[in-house]
Protein backbone atom coordinates (compact mmCIF):
# COMPACT_ATOMS: atom_id res chain seq x y z
CA MET A 1 159.01 34.71 48.32
CA THR A 2 162.26 36.10 49.72
CA ASP A 3 164.96 37.77 47.58
CA ARG A 4 165.98 35.63 44.64
CA LYS A 5 169.31 33.82 44.89
CA PRO A 6 171.00 31.23 42.67
CA PHE A 7 170.12 27.67 43.59
CA LYS A 8 170.81 24.17 42.38
CA ILE A 9 168.22 21.53 41.58
CA GLN A 10 168.45 17.89 40.64
CA ILE A 11 165.88 16.28 38.35
CA LEU A 12 165.61 12.51 38.07
CA VAL A 13 163.74 11.32 34.98
CA ALA A 14 162.39 8.28 36.78
CA ASP A 15 160.90 6.38 33.84
CA GLY A 16 163.50 7.36 31.24
CA ARG A 17 161.05 9.59 29.35
CA PRO A 18 161.90 13.32 29.21
CA ASP A 19 158.17 14.12 29.31
CA GLY A 20 157.41 11.41 31.89
CA LEU A 21 157.68 11.16 35.65
CA ARG A 22 160.27 13.51 37.17
CA LEU A 23 161.51 13.80 40.75
CA VAL A 24 162.81 17.24 41.67
CA GLU A 25 165.14 17.92 44.60
CA LYS A 26 166.75 21.15 45.75
CA SER A 27 170.01 21.60 47.60
CA ASN A 28 169.61 21.57 51.41
CA TRP A 29 165.82 21.17 51.27
CA ILE A 30 163.82 18.47 53.03
CA GLY A 31 161.14 18.60 50.34
CA LEU A 32 160.67 16.55 47.20
CA GLY A 33 158.75 17.56 44.09
CA ILE A 34 157.10 15.05 41.76
CA VAL A 35 155.91 16.00 38.28
CA CYS A 36 153.57 13.36 36.87
CA PRO A 37 151.80 13.58 33.49
CA ARG A 38 148.25 12.28 33.70
CA GLY A 39 149.01 9.59 31.12
CA ARG A 40 151.69 8.11 33.40
CA TYR A 41 149.79 8.29 36.68
CA SER A 42 148.34 4.75 36.75
CA TRP A 43 151.89 3.37 36.32
CA ALA A 44 153.59 5.89 38.60
CA LYS A 45 151.38 5.36 41.66
CA LYS A 46 152.30 1.66 41.66
CA ALA A 47 155.97 2.12 40.85
CA ARG A 48 156.74 4.96 43.27
CA ASP A 49 156.00 4.94 46.99
CA GLU A 50 156.28 8.76 47.09
CA PHE A 51 152.59 8.88 46.17
CA SER A 52 151.76 7.14 49.46
CA ARG A 53 153.19 10.03 51.48
CA SER A 54 151.47 13.13 52.80
CA GLY A 55 151.75 16.29 50.77
CA VAL A 56 150.21 19.13 48.83
CA TYR A 57 149.52 18.83 45.10
CA LEU A 58 148.59 20.89 42.04
CA LEU A 59 146.51 19.73 39.08
CA VAL A 60 147.39 21.81 36.01
CA GLY A 61 145.95 21.86 32.51
CA GLN A 62 145.16 24.02 29.51
CA ASP A 63 141.57 23.55 28.38
CA GLY A 64 141.11 26.17 25.67
CA ASP A 65 140.67 29.10 28.08
CA PRO A 66 142.91 32.20 28.10
CA LEU A 67 144.25 31.08 31.47
CA PRO A 68 145.49 27.60 32.41
CA LYS A 69 143.29 25.76 34.90
CA LEU A 70 144.55 24.94 38.38
CA TYR A 71 143.36 22.89 41.34
CA VAL A 72 145.20 22.87 44.68
CA GLY A 73 144.76 20.01 47.15
CA GLU A 74 146.31 18.16 50.07
CA SER A 75 146.19 14.67 51.49
CA GLU A 76 147.83 12.50 54.12
CA GLU A 77 148.16 9.92 51.33
CA VAL A 78 148.38 11.78 48.04
CA LYS A 79 147.45 8.87 45.79
CA THR A 80 144.05 8.43 47.45
CA ARG A 81 143.07 11.93 46.32
CA LEU A 82 144.72 11.64 42.90
CA ASP A 83 142.90 8.34 42.31
CA ARG A 84 139.63 10.17 42.84
CA HIS A 85 140.60 13.09 40.60
CA TYR A 86 141.81 10.71 37.90
CA GLY A 87 138.24 9.54 37.26
CA GLU A 88 136.24 12.68 38.12
CA GLU A 89 134.52 14.37 35.18
CA ASP A 90 134.86 17.85 36.70
CA LYS A 91 138.63 17.30 37.01
CA ASP A 92 139.07 16.18 33.42
CA PHE A 93 141.07 19.32 32.58
CA TRP A 94 144.37 18.36 34.21
CA GLN A 95 147.30 17.20 32.15
CA GLN A 96 149.85 16.92 34.93
CA ALA A 97 149.97 16.62 38.68
CA ILE A 98 152.73 18.28 40.67
CA VAL A 99 153.15 16.85 44.17
CA PHE A 100 155.27 18.21 47.01
CA THR A 101 156.14 15.92 49.90
CA THR A 102 159.24 15.24 52.02
CA LYS A 103 162.21 12.91 51.83
CA GLY A 104 162.17 12.15 55.55
CA THR A 105 159.75 12.94 58.36
CA PRO A 106 156.27 13.25 56.82
CA LEU A 107 154.27 16.45 56.97
CA ASN A 108 151.31 16.27 59.35
CA LYS A 109 147.71 17.24 58.55
CA ALA A 110 147.96 20.77 59.92
CA GLU A 111 151.16 21.42 57.97
CA ILE A 112 149.76 20.30 54.60
CA LYS A 113 146.56 22.26 55.24
CA TYR A 114 148.74 25.31 55.92
CA LEU A 115 150.58 24.84 52.61
CA GLU A 116 147.31 24.31 50.71
CA ALA A 117 145.71 27.44 52.17
CA SER A 118 148.85 29.51 51.46
CA LEU A 119 148.98 28.40 47.83
CA LEU A 120 145.28 29.11 47.32
CA LYS A 121 145.71 32.59 48.75
CA LEU A 122 148.57 33.34 46.35
CA ALA A 123 146.74 31.88 43.33
CA ARG A 124 143.72 34.08 44.04
CA LYS A 125 145.87 37.13 44.69
CA TYR A 126 147.70 37.07 41.37
CA GLY A 127 144.97 35.66 39.12
CA ARG A 128 147.34 33.99 36.67
CA SER A 129 145.33 30.76 36.53
CA LYS A 130 141.68 29.76 36.42
CA LEU A 131 141.32 28.29 39.88
CA GLN A 132 139.03 25.26 40.10
CA ASN A 133 138.75 25.17 43.90
CA THR A 134 135.27 26.22 45.02
CA ASN A 135 135.80 26.10 48.78
CA LYS A 136 138.09 28.49 50.61
CA SER A 137 140.76 26.89 52.76
CA ARG A 138 141.57 28.57 56.07
CA LEU A 139 145.02 28.64 57.60
CA PRO A 140 145.12 26.14 60.48
CA ARG A 141 146.61 27.08 63.82
CA LEU A 142 150.29 26.27 64.06
CA SER A 143 152.82 27.13 66.72
CA GLU A 144 155.14 30.00 65.88
CA ALA A 145 158.00 27.55 65.31
CA ASP A 146 155.95 25.25 63.05
CA ARG A 147 154.62 28.20 61.07
CA ALA A 148 158.16 29.46 60.50
CA GLU A 149 159.20 25.99 59.32
CA MET A 150 156.27 25.77 56.89
CA ASP A 151 156.90 29.28 55.57
CA GLY A 152 160.46 28.18 54.82
CA TYR A 153 159.20 25.04 53.08
CA LEU A 154 156.76 27.16 51.08
CA ASP A 155 159.50 29.56 49.96
CA GLU A 156 161.53 26.65 48.60
CA LEU A 157 158.45 25.17 46.89
CA LEU A 158 157.57 28.49 45.27
CA SER A 159 161.09 28.93 43.92
CA LEU A 160 160.75 25.61 42.05
CA LEU A 161 157.35 26.16 40.45
CA PRO A 162 158.43 28.61 37.70
CA VAL A 163 161.25 26.19 36.80
CA LEU A 164 158.54 23.55 36.34
CA GLY A 165 156.49 25.84 34.11
CA VAL A 166 153.98 26.90 36.77
CA PRO A 167 154.38 30.67 37.45
CA PHE A 168 150.88 31.13 38.91
CA PHE A 169 151.83 32.04 42.47
CA GLU A 170 153.78 35.25 41.99
CA ARG A 171 153.38 38.57 40.24
CA GLU A 172 154.98 39.01 36.85
CA GLU A 173 158.18 40.94 37.51
CA ALA A 174 157.83 44.62 36.65
CA PRO A 175 160.64 46.44 34.84
CA SER A 176 163.33 47.89 37.07
CA ARG A 177 163.43 51.16 35.13
CA GLU A 178 160.60 53.26 33.68
CA GLY A 179 162.54 53.36 30.41
CA GLU A 180 161.74 49.67 29.97
CA VAL A 181 158.01 50.43 29.77
CA TYR A 182 156.52 50.62 26.28
CA HIS A 183 153.38 52.38 25.07
CA VAL A 184 150.82 52.31 22.28
CA ASP A 185 148.92 55.60 22.08
CA ARG A 186 146.51 55.82 19.18
CA SER A 187 142.87 56.76 18.73
CA GLY A 188 140.85 54.68 21.21
CA CYS A 189 143.96 52.87 22.52
CA LYS A 190 146.26 54.02 25.31
CA ALA A 191 148.20 51.04 26.64
CA ALA A 192 151.42 50.43 28.54
CA GLY A 193 153.39 47.22 28.90
CA PHE A 194 156.78 45.62 29.28
CA GLU A 195 158.73 42.55 28.20
CA THR A 196 159.03 39.64 30.61
CA ASN A 197 160.69 36.24 30.64
CA MET A 198 157.37 34.71 29.56
CA GLY A 199 156.31 37.20 26.87
CA PHE A 200 154.84 40.70 27.04
CA THR A 201 152.65 42.05 29.87
CA VAL A 202 150.06 44.79 29.36
CA ARG A 203 149.53 46.81 32.52
CA GLU A 204 146.32 47.07 34.47
CA GLY A 205 144.36 50.17 33.48
CA SER A 206 145.53 50.14 29.86
CA LEU A 207 142.83 51.06 27.32
CA ALA A 208 142.07 48.94 24.25
CA ARG A 209 139.98 50.04 21.29
CA GLU A 210 136.26 49.51 21.62
CA SER A 211 135.84 47.69 18.31
CA THR A 212 137.95 45.65 15.93
CA VAL A 213 138.59 46.43 12.29
CA PRO A 214 136.42 44.35 9.92
CA SER A 215 139.42 42.40 8.58
CA MET A 216 140.81 41.27 11.96
CA LYS A 217 138.67 38.14 12.21
CA GLU A 218 140.04 36.87 8.87
CA GLN A 219 143.59 38.27 8.95
CA ALA A 220 144.38 37.53 12.60
CA PRO A 221 141.84 34.93 13.81
CA GLY A 222 143.97 33.82 16.76
CA TYR A 223 144.33 37.35 18.14
CA TYR A 224 140.64 38.01 17.46
CA ARG A 225 139.61 34.94 19.48
CA GLN A 226 141.99 35.90 22.28
CA ARG A 227 140.47 39.37 22.48
CA GLU A 228 136.94 37.93 22.58
CA GLU A 229 137.94 35.49 25.32
CA LEU A 230 139.43 38.29 27.42
CA ILE A 231 136.19 40.22 27.08
CA ASN A 232 134.15 37.16 28.06
CA GLU A 233 136.44 36.44 31.01
CA GLY A 234 136.12 40.00 32.32
CA VAL A 235 139.79 40.87 31.85
CA LEU A 236 138.77 43.52 29.31
CA VAL A 237 135.93 45.57 30.80
CA LYS A 238 133.68 47.76 28.63
CA LYS A 239 133.87 51.47 29.35
CA THR A 240 132.67 54.46 27.34
CA GLY A 241 134.57 54.39 24.05
CA HIS A 242 137.04 51.63 24.92
CA TYR A 243 137.85 48.48 26.90
CA ARG A 244 139.93 48.70 30.06
CA PHE A 245 142.34 46.02 31.34
CA LYS A 246 141.07 45.01 34.76
CA ARG A 247 144.47 43.58 35.71
CA ASP A 248 147.97 43.01 34.34
CA TRP A 249 147.81 40.50 31.50
CA LEU A 250 150.62 38.39 30.07
CA PHE A 251 150.60 37.82 26.31
CA SER A 252 152.81 35.35 24.48
CA SER A 253 154.35 38.11 22.34
CA PRO A 254 154.40 41.90 21.80
CA SER A 255 152.38 41.41 18.59
CA ALA A 256 149.61 39.53 20.41
CA ALA A 257 149.46 42.33 22.98
CA ALA A 258 149.37 45.07 20.33
CA ALA A 259 146.72 43.29 18.25
CA VAL A 260 144.36 42.86 21.18
CA CYS A 261 144.83 46.48 22.24
CA LEU A 262 144.43 47.93 18.73
CA GLY A 263 141.69 45.57 17.55
CA SER A 264 143.60 44.76 14.38
CA ASN A 265 146.50 42.70 13.11
CA ALA A 266 149.66 44.42 14.35
CA ASN A 267 153.44 44.17 14.48
CA GLY A 268 154.25 44.58 18.16
CA LEU A 269 157.93 45.26 17.48
CA THR A 270 157.05 48.53 15.75
CA GLU A 271 153.83 49.44 17.59
CA TRP A 272 155.30 49.43 21.11
CA LYS A 273 157.49 52.49 21.76
CA ASP A 274 159.39 53.68 24.83
CA GLY A 275 159.24 57.15 26.38
CA SER A 276 161.69 58.57 23.85
CA GLY A 277 159.76 57.20 20.87
CA ALA A 278 162.11 54.31 20.10
CA THR A 279 160.39 51.11 19.01
CA LEU A 280 160.84 47.78 20.71
CA LYS A 281 162.47 46.56 17.51
CA ALA A 282 165.02 49.39 17.57
CA ASN A 283 165.86 48.77 21.21
CA ARG A 284 166.33 45.06 20.62
CA LYS A 285 168.65 45.81 17.71
CA LYS A 286 170.57 48.29 19.83
CA ALA A 287 170.93 45.78 22.66
CA THR A 288 172.48 43.18 20.36
CA ALA A 289 174.71 45.55 18.37
């Protein structure tokens, strides 16, 4: 994406339900976003002709894994593909479909293939979702002018996705100053991380304790399960005397991050400290004084 700038969006709640079908438009953009919960799809495809247009789409769902599941697709008539996914057993994970099409001249096959391949490349690069696509999609040949137009469309699309709760296609923003990085440095644990808009990110290369304390499974069962899942998923890799974070990992809170790193129930507000030794709790209090 290009440098971030303020922008205006308009969301139409098409069926009158806040959690139902939503149409998303952005100022001075030819595109149109459609957010459709799975439970409303059979109604929506009949009520809205937008599903008959060409476009690229995302199937998104949380299925008990540490990462949300994601499938990226394209079609010259989106509803024909969504109809198929609606009944497929291997696509049973998705809870909502997010479609991107146009308000005017339709996108052609090469253009939607270009968008699909670009989104898949970004999803694989950042690893913030469990991608369900098995086949790699290659960028089709476009003229220089058409490629520039699609890159512009893609930039606008990507700016909307975090607003829609889908931040899978960009890196979690790193702190602008080293002073905003926090550390836990105890026996068997040497981790660094920082607060984000979505929670707390532990940096790639951080070291977590090799084993958990005996009481963790009973006192903090949610954090214990999360740690086990990260080990099973290969995010935490076994090394001599510790586990190492294979990549940056976003946790829902500083306490979740600290507990997984320390292998015990933990208060992240007091465990995470900056370079001067001040706790996250103290810095939060100072910021709101």
